């Protein structure tokens, strides 16, 4: 079977109804039906095969939970993406970069999705919205860094994706193109030799992918990441901190180490966004700081990502850092290390005998 035919077959046969899901997993059909009436479900057979038992970390990410409709905490669009979209599907929040939604499809509808309001619902991406986005980017010369998102850009056919990449590369002020995709994790069969050969033509091109648990790193996903890395594409991972999935320092350390072993650089751990229908995944920010502390010094610095929080109201992303400086004095700072031990750090200055 040709590569393209195979991944499309996996996608087209994905589970979307409670009745289909009940043939594979022990579920409460009535509750599942209530949830997917509002927030649709899609689980392809590859990701379904990774679920080991009811309620495990991969189950939580893929299987609808009644909490999605019982908990009204949060907002549909807490990051005010719509208000920061000068044209449909293009978010221009930061001065020199923009997010361009070029696909409305995902290989799996993750239950914690930041765009839960859109994914699985009528969400129009077509030639008109792509053309409007390209015109906007062309007219705004301050945009040097383009992030392609969705949906998932890698669910576009090779030729469709190539067309958009070609249009962006023709804009002289666009220096960098980034693709944000969960495909290497949720449908690694989509990463084909043909896709990788096509992407090589558009360097500097970066891919940020999205693994949340060590069990998602399989021989298939490892191969997908290897193919992309072999095509010269630097790869990073943006992990979302999720209660009951990865809110444990040891799990997160294992994930970060496994990512490095498949040539994916841990980039961000995201505090989960304040999205309606996802409150049951939310953790206190202190949990993220604890995890960063348990990573720093306890594993390679290459394995330590930034812990980021995306501020509600469109304030943008900021890093949250553990507090290592215990005391600041004119001539010295008192700083603790990863073991909790305190050390003096002398401060050079005019009034302490140094010039």
Protein backbone atom coordinates (compact mmCIF):
# COMPACT_ATOMS: atom_id res chain seq x y z
CA UNK A 1 0.00 0.00 0.00
CA UNK A 2 1.38 3.42 -0.93
CA UNK A 3 2.42 5.65 1.99
CA UNK A 4 -0.21 8.29 1.26
CA UNK A 5 -2.98 5.76 0.87
CA UNK A 6 -2.11 4.09 4.18
CA UNK A 7 -2.21 7.17 6.40
CA UNK A 8 -5.37 8.41 4.74
CA UNK A 9 -7.00 5.03 5.35
CA UNK A 10 -6.05 5.21 9.05
CA UNK A 11 -7.55 8.69 9.24
CA UNK A 12 -10.76 7.86 7.38
CA UNK A 13 -11.43 4.86 9.61
CA UNK A 14 -11.00 6.81 12.85
CA UNK A 15 -13.57 6.30 15.60
CA UNK A 16 -16.03 9.18 15.92
CA UNK A 17 -19.07 7.68 17.70
CA UNK A 18 -19.70 6.15 21.11
CA UNK A 19 -21.10 3.02 19.48
CA UNK A 20 -17.84 2.46 17.56
CA UNK A 21 -15.73 3.18 20.62
CA UNK A 22 -17.71 0.71 22.75
CA UNK A 23 -16.51 -2.12 20.48
CA UNK A 24 -12.95 -1.46 21.62
CA UNK A 25 -13.04 -0.03 25.14
CA UNK A 26 -15.23 -0.29 28.25
CA UNK A 27 -17.04 3.05 28.21
CA UNK A 28 -20.28 4.61 29.41
CA UNK A 29 -21.91 5.18 26.02
CA UNK A 30 -24.53 7.58 27.34
CA UNK A 31 -21.94 9.89 28.89
CA UNK A 32 -19.70 9.74 25.83
CA UNK A 33 -22.62 10.66 23.58
CA UNK A 34 -23.45 13.68 25.75
CA UNK A 35 -19.89 14.95 25.55
CA UNK A 36 -19.35 14.46 21.84
CA UNK A 37 -22.62 16.22 21.06
CA UNK A 38 -20.72 19.36 22.07
CA UNK A 39 -17.07 18.40 21.66
CA UNK A 40 -16.62 15.83 18.86
CA UNK A 41 -14.31 12.82 19.11
CA UNK A 42 -11.80 11.39 16.69
CA UNK A 43 -9.39 8.57 17.59
CA UNK A 44 -7.45 6.79 14.90
CA UNK A 45 -6.58 3.11 15.30
CA UNK A 46 -2.87 3.79 15.83
CA UNK A 47 -3.35 5.99 18.88
CA UNK A 48 -6.15 3.76 20.16
CA UNK A 49 -3.69 0.84 20.14
CA UNK A 50 -1.44 2.68 22.60
CA UNK A 51 -4.09 2.83 25.34
CA UNK A 52 -3.25 0.15 27.90
CA UNK A 53 -6.12 0.35 30.36
CA UNK A 54 -9.09 2.47 31.38
CA UNK A 55 -8.09 5.87 32.71
CA UNK A 56 -4.41 5.65 31.75
CA UNK A 57 -2.59 8.81 30.58
CA UNK A 58 -3.32 8.15 26.90
CA UNK A 59 -6.96 7.28 27.62
CA UNK A 60 -7.35 10.65 29.35
CA UNK A 61 -6.04 12.50 26.30
CA UNK A 62 -8.20 10.68 23.76
CA UNK A 63 -11.45 9.53 25.43
CA UNK A 64 -14.19 12.10 26.15
CA UNK A 65 -14.89 12.77 29.83
CA UNK A 66 -18.22 13.97 31.22
CA UNK A 67 -16.26 16.67 33.08
CA UNK A 68 -15.89 18.44 29.73
CA UNK A 69 -19.53 19.50 29.84
CA UNK A 70 -20.17 19.48 33.60
CA UNK A 71 -17.38 21.91 34.44
CA UNK A 72 -18.07 25.42 33.13
CA UNK A 73 -14.74 26.81 34.37
CA UNK A 74 -12.73 28.72 31.78
CA UNK A 75 -13.53 30.45 28.50
CA UNK A 76 -13.94 29.28 24.93
CA UNK A 77 -11.19 31.64 23.75
CA UNK A 78 -9.21 32.68 26.84
CA UNK A 79 -6.23 33.86 24.79
CA UNK A 80 -8.51 36.13 22.69
CA UNK A 81 -7.23 34.66 19.44
CA UNK A 82 -10.31 35.77 17.53
CA UNK A 83 -9.86 39.39 18.65
CA UNK A 84 -6.24 39.27 17.49
CA UNK A 85 -7.10 37.89 14.05
CA UNK A 86 -7.04 40.74 11.51
CA UNK A 87 -8.14 38.24 8.84
CA UNK A 88 -9.76 34.86 9.45
CA UNK A 89 -7.40 32.16 10.74
CA UNK A 90 -4.39 34.43 11.18
CA UNK A 91 -3.40 35.49 14.70
CA UNK A 92 -1.02 38.45 14.93
CA UNK A 93 -0.21 38.88 18.62
CA UNK A 94 3.54 39.55 18.63
CA UNK A 95 5.39 42.20 16.62
CA UNK A 96 7.53 39.96 14.40
CA UNK A 97 5.57 36.72 14.11
CA UNK A 98 2.12 35.40 13.40
CA UNK A 99 0.20 32.14 13.62
CA UNK A 100 -1.49 31.01 10.41
CA UNK A 101 -4.19 28.33 10.70
CA UNK A 102 -3.96 26.46 7.40
CA UNK A 103 -5.78 23.23 8.32
CA UNK A 104 -9.03 22.49 10.14
CA UNK A 105 -8.34 18.76 10.64
CA UNK A 106 -6.53 16.77 13.33
CA UNK A 107 -5.54 13.11 13.46
CA UNK A 108 -7.04 12.99 16.96
CA UNK A 109 -9.21 15.42 18.86
CA UNK A 110 -7.20 15.87 22.05
CA UNK A 111 -9.56 16.43 24.96
CA UNK A 112 -7.52 19.35 26.37
CA UNK A 113 -7.22 21.23 23.07
CA UNK A 114 -6.61 24.97 23.32
CA UNK A 115 -8.86 25.42 20.26
CA UNK A 116 -11.61 23.18 21.57
CA UNK A 117 -14.12 25.76 20.35
CA UNK A 118 -13.06 25.09 16.74
CA UNK A 119 -11.68 21.60 16.29
CA UNK A 120 -14.26 19.09 15.11
CA UNK A 121 -16.76 21.85 14.36
CA UNK A 122 -17.32 23.67 11.08
CA UNK A 123 -14.07 25.62 10.88
CA UNK A 124 -13.47 27.07 7.47
CA UNK A 125 -10.03 26.84 5.93
CA UNK A 126 -10.14 27.17 2.14
CA UNK A 127 -8.39 28.90 -0.73
CA UNK A 128 -10.02 32.21 0.19
CA UNK A 129 -8.80 32.20 3.80
CA UNK A 130 -5.33 31.08 2.71
CA UNK A 131 -5.16 33.84 0.09
CA UNK A 132 -6.32 36.46 2.61
CA UNK A 133 -3.65 35.32 5.06
CA UNK A 134 -0.92 35.39 2.44
CA UNK A 135 -1.93 38.94 1.42
CA UNK A 136 -1.85 40.08 5.06
CA UNK A 137 1.60 38.57 5.62
CA UNK A 138 2.88 40.11 2.38
CA UNK A 139 1.58 43.55 3.42
CA UNK A 140 3.08 43.43 6.93
CA UNK A 141 6.83 43.56 6.56
CA UNK A 142 7.38 43.29 10.32
CA UNK A 143 6.44 39.60 10.17
CA UNK A 144 9.64 37.58 9.85
CA UNK A 145 8.61 34.34 11.60
CA UNK A 146 5.56 32.36 10.46
CA UNK A 147 3.99 29.61 12.55
CA UNK A 148 1.72 27.24 10.64
CA UNK A 149 -0.92 25.65 12.83
CA UNK A 150 -4.54 24.59 12.75
CA UNK A 151 -5.88 21.89 13.08
CA UNK A 152 -2.73 20.17 11.95
CA UNK A 153 -0.82 21.46 8.91
CA UNK A 154 0.63 18.01 8.18
CA UNK A 155 -2.83 16.64 7.46
CA UNK A 156 -2.81 18.62 4.24
CA UNK A 157 -1.87 16.74 1.10
CA UNK A 158 1.77 17.19 0.13
CA UNK A 159 0.88 19.36 -2.85
CA UNK A 160 -1.50 21.58 -0.90
CA UNK A 161 1.09 22.11 1.84
CA UNK A 162 3.80 22.71 -0.76
CA UNK A 163 1.70 25.43 -2.38
CA UNK A 164 1.32 27.34 0.89
CA UNK A 165 5.00 26.95 1.77
CA UNK A 166 5.96 28.19 -1.70
CA UNK A 167 3.75 31.26 -1.28
CA UNK A 168 5.35 32.05 2.08
CA UNK A 169 8.90 31.52 0.80
CA UNK A 170 8.17 34.01 -1.99
CA UNK A 171 7.67 36.76 0.65
CA UNK A 172 11.11 38.28 1.19
CA UNK A 173 10.62 39.36 4.82
CA UNK A 174 9.51 35.90 5.97
CA UNK A 175 12.78 34.48 7.27
CA UNK A 176 11.63 31.46 9.28
CA UNK A 177 8.76 29.03 8.89
CA UNK A 178 7.65 26.83 11.78
CA UNK A 179 5.14 24.00 11.58
CA UNK A 180 3.29 23.10 14.75
CA UNK A 181 2.08 19.52 14.50
CA UNK A 182 1.07 16.60 16.70
CA UNK A 183 1.23 14.19 13.75
CA UNK A 184 4.55 12.51 14.71
CA UNK A 185 2.80 11.49 17.94
CA UNK A 186 -0.79 10.80 16.91
CA UNK A 187 -0.41 9.57 13.31
CA UNK A 188 3.30 8.97 12.58
CA UNK A 189 2.39 7.04 9.42
CA UNK A 190 1.74 10.45 7.82
CA UNK A 191 5.47 11.21 7.90
CA UNK A 192 6.50 9.74 4.56
CA UNK A 193 9.72 9.95 2.51
CA UNK A 194 7.81 12.04 -0.03
CA UNK A 195 6.72 14.55 2.62
CA UNK A 196 10.24 14.85 4.02
CA UNK A 197 11.73 15.35 0.55
CA UNK A 198 9.22 18.11 -0.12
CA UNK A 199 9.84 19.90 3.20
CA UNK A 200 13.62 19.99 2.62
CA UNK A 201 13.12 22.59 -0.08
CA UNK A 202 11.86 25.21 2.38
CA UNK A 203 14.67 25.65 4.89
CA UNK A 204 15.04 27.34 7.32
CA UNK A 205 12.08 25.23 8.41
CA UNK A 206 11.42 24.12 11.98
CA UNK A 207 8.93 21.69 13.43
CA UNK A 208 7.52 21.86 16.95
CA UNK A 209 5.73 18.67 17.78
CA UNK A 210 3.79 17.64 20.84
CA UNK A 211 4.32 14.60 23.07
CA UNK A 212 2.81 14.54 26.55
CA UNK A 213 3.77 11.13 27.92
CA UNK A 214 6.66 8.65 27.49
CA UNK A 215 4.25 5.96 26.26
CA UNK A 216 3.61 8.09 23.16
CA UNK A 217 7.21 7.58 22.07
CA UNK A 218 6.94 4.32 20.14
CA UNK A 219 8.96 2.72 17.34
CA UNK A 220 6.56 4.35 14.85
CA UNK A 221 6.77 7.85 16.32
CA UNK A 222 10.54 7.50 16.76
CA UNK A 223 10.87 6.63 13.08
CA UNK A 224 8.72 9.59 12.06
CA UNK A 225 10.91 11.98 14.06
CA UNK A 226 14.07 10.38 12.66
CA UNK A 227 12.86 10.92 9.11
CA UNK A 228 12.16 14.59 9.77
CA UNK A 229 15.47 15.09 11.56
CA UNK A 230 17.29 13.35 8.69
CA UNK A 231 15.68 15.87 6.36
CA UNK A 232 17.59 18.56 8.26
CA UNK A 233 14.57 19.87 10.15
CA UNK A 234 15.32 20.97 13.74
CA UNK A 235 12.62 19.58 16.01
CA UNK A 236 11.29 20.80 19.34
CA UNK A 237 8.51 19.59 21.62
CA UNK A 238 5.81 21.62 23.30
CA UNK A 239 4.39 19.50 26.11
CA UNK A 240 1.22 20.50 27.94
CA UNK A 241 1.15 19.96 31.70
CA UNK A 242 -1.94 17.82 32.30
CA UNK A 243 -3.35 16.56 35.59
CA UNK A 244 -3.35 12.78 35.71
CA UNK A 245 -1.22 12.54 32.57
CA UNK A 246 2.21 13.99 33.26
CA UNK A 247 1.98 16.09 36.44
CA UNK A 248 4.75 14.06 38.04
CA UNK A 249 8.47 14.95 37.97
CA UNK A 250 9.61 11.40 37.23
CA UNK A 251 7.19 10.95 34.33
CA UNK A 252 8.21 14.30 32.91
CA UNK A 253 11.91 13.53 33.30
CA UNK A 254 11.46 10.23 31.48
CA UNK A 255 9.56 11.98 28.69
CA UNK A 256 12.20 14.66 28.25
CA UNK A 257 15.01 12.10 28.18
CA UNK A 258 13.18 9.95 25.64
CA UNK A 259 12.56 13.01 23.46
CA UNK A 260 16.28 13.73 23.37
CA UNK A 261 16.92 10.12 22.34
CA UNK A 262 14.77 10.63 19.22
CA UNK A 263 16.39 14.00 18.39
CA UNK A 264 13.52 16.16 19.59
CA UNK A 265 14.61 19.05 21.84
CA UNK A 266 12.32 19.73 24.81
CA UNK A 267 11.23 23.33 24.15
CA UNK A 268 8.24 24.21 26.31
CA UNK A 269 6.19 22.74 29.10
CA UNK A 270 2.95 24.68 28.84
CA UNK A 271 0.71 25.43 31.76
CA UNK A 272 -2.65 24.27 30.43
CA UNK A 273 -4.73 27.12 29.04
CA UNK A 274 -7.92 28.25 30.78
CA UNK A 275 -10.15 26.71 28.10
CA UNK A 276 -13.76 25.78 28.86
CA UNK A 277 -14.21 22.02 28.97
CA UNK A 278 -10.61 21.31 30.04
CA UNK A 279 -10.64 22.27 33.73
CA UNK A 280 -10.17 18.68 34.87
CA UNK A 281 -6.69 18.76 33.30
CA UNK A 282 -5.62 21.96 35.02
CA UNK A 283 -2.79 21.96 37.54
CA UNK A 284 -1.60 24.66 39.92
CA UNK A 285 1.37 26.58 38.45
CA UNK A 286 3.40 25.46 41.47
CA UNK A 287 3.32 21.93 40.04
CA UNK A 288 5.11 23.12 36.92
CA UNK A 289 7.73 24.93 38.98
CA UNK A 290 8.25 21.78 41.04
CA UNK A 291 8.79 19.77 37.87
CA UNK A 292 11.34 22.24 36.51
CA UNK A 293 13.22 22.11 39.83
CA UNK A 294 13.27 18.31 39.71
CA UNK A 295 14.65 18.44 36.17
CA UNK A 296 17.30 21.13 36.64
CA UNK A 297 20.51 19.52 37.86
CA UNK A 298 18.96 16.05 37.98
CA UNK A 299 19.26 15.48 34.25
CA UNK A 300 21.07 17.03 31.29
CA UNK A 301 20.38 20.70 30.68
CA UNK A 302 19.35 19.70 27.15
CA UNK A 303 16.38 17.92 28.73
CA UNK A 304 15.13 20.99 30.61
CA UNK A 305 12.46 22.99 28.73
CA UNK A 306 11.02 26.39 29.58
CA UNK A 307 7.91 26.36 31.74
CA UNK A 308 5.52 28.76 30.00
CA UNK A 309 2.17 30.27 30.84
CA UNK A 310 0.01 31.93 28.19
CA UNK A 311 -1.67 34.87 29.86
CA UNK A 312 -5.45 35.20 29.53
CA UNK A 313 -6.70 38.13 27.51
CA UNK A 314 -3.98 37.86 24.89
CA UNK A 315 -1.10 38.88 27.13
CA UNK A 316 1.21 36.38 25.51
CA UNK A 317 3.56 33.71 26.79
CA UNK A 318 5.93 34.29 29.70
CA UNK A 319 8.34 31.88 31.41
CA UNK A 320 7.84 30.92 35.03
CA UNK A 321 11.05 30.09 36.89
CA UNK A 322 11.80 28.57 40.29
CA UNK A 323 13.29 31.08 42.72
CA UNK A 324 16.95 30.25 43.24
CA UNK A 325 18.13 33.64 44.52
CA UNK A 326 17.51 33.68 48.27
CA UNK A 327 18.99 37.06 49.15
CA UNK A 328 20.40 40.04 47.26
CA UNK A 329 22.99 42.31 48.90
CA UNK A 330 25.22 45.00 47.30
CA UNK A 331 28.33 42.82 47.49
CA UNK A 332 26.89 39.33 47.27
CA UNK A 333 23.92 37.25 46.36
CA UNK A 334 22.91 34.11 48.23
CA UNK A 335 21.84 31.44 45.73
CA UNK A 336 20.65 27.90 46.28
CA UNK A 337 21.52 25.09 43.92
CA UNK A 338 19.51 22.12 42.66
CA UNK A 339 20.25 20.21 45.89
CA UNK A 340 18.89 23.01 48.07
CA UNK A 341 22.35 24.04 49.28
CA UNK A 342 23.14 27.77 49.59
CA UNK A 343 26.18 29.42 48.02
CA UNK A 344 27.52 32.97 48.11
CA UNK A 345 28.09 34.65 44.78
CA UNK A 346 30.30 37.80 45.04
CA UNK A 347 29.17 40.89 43.15
CA UNK A 348 31.92 42.98 41.60
CA UNK A 349 31.48 46.71 42.20
CA UNK A 350 33.14 50.02 43.04
CA UNK A 351 32.45 49.81 46.76
CA UNK A 352 33.77 46.36 47.60
CA UNK A 353 37.45 46.66 46.81
CA UNK A 354 37.20 45.97 43.09
CA UNK A 355 37.29 48.31 40.16
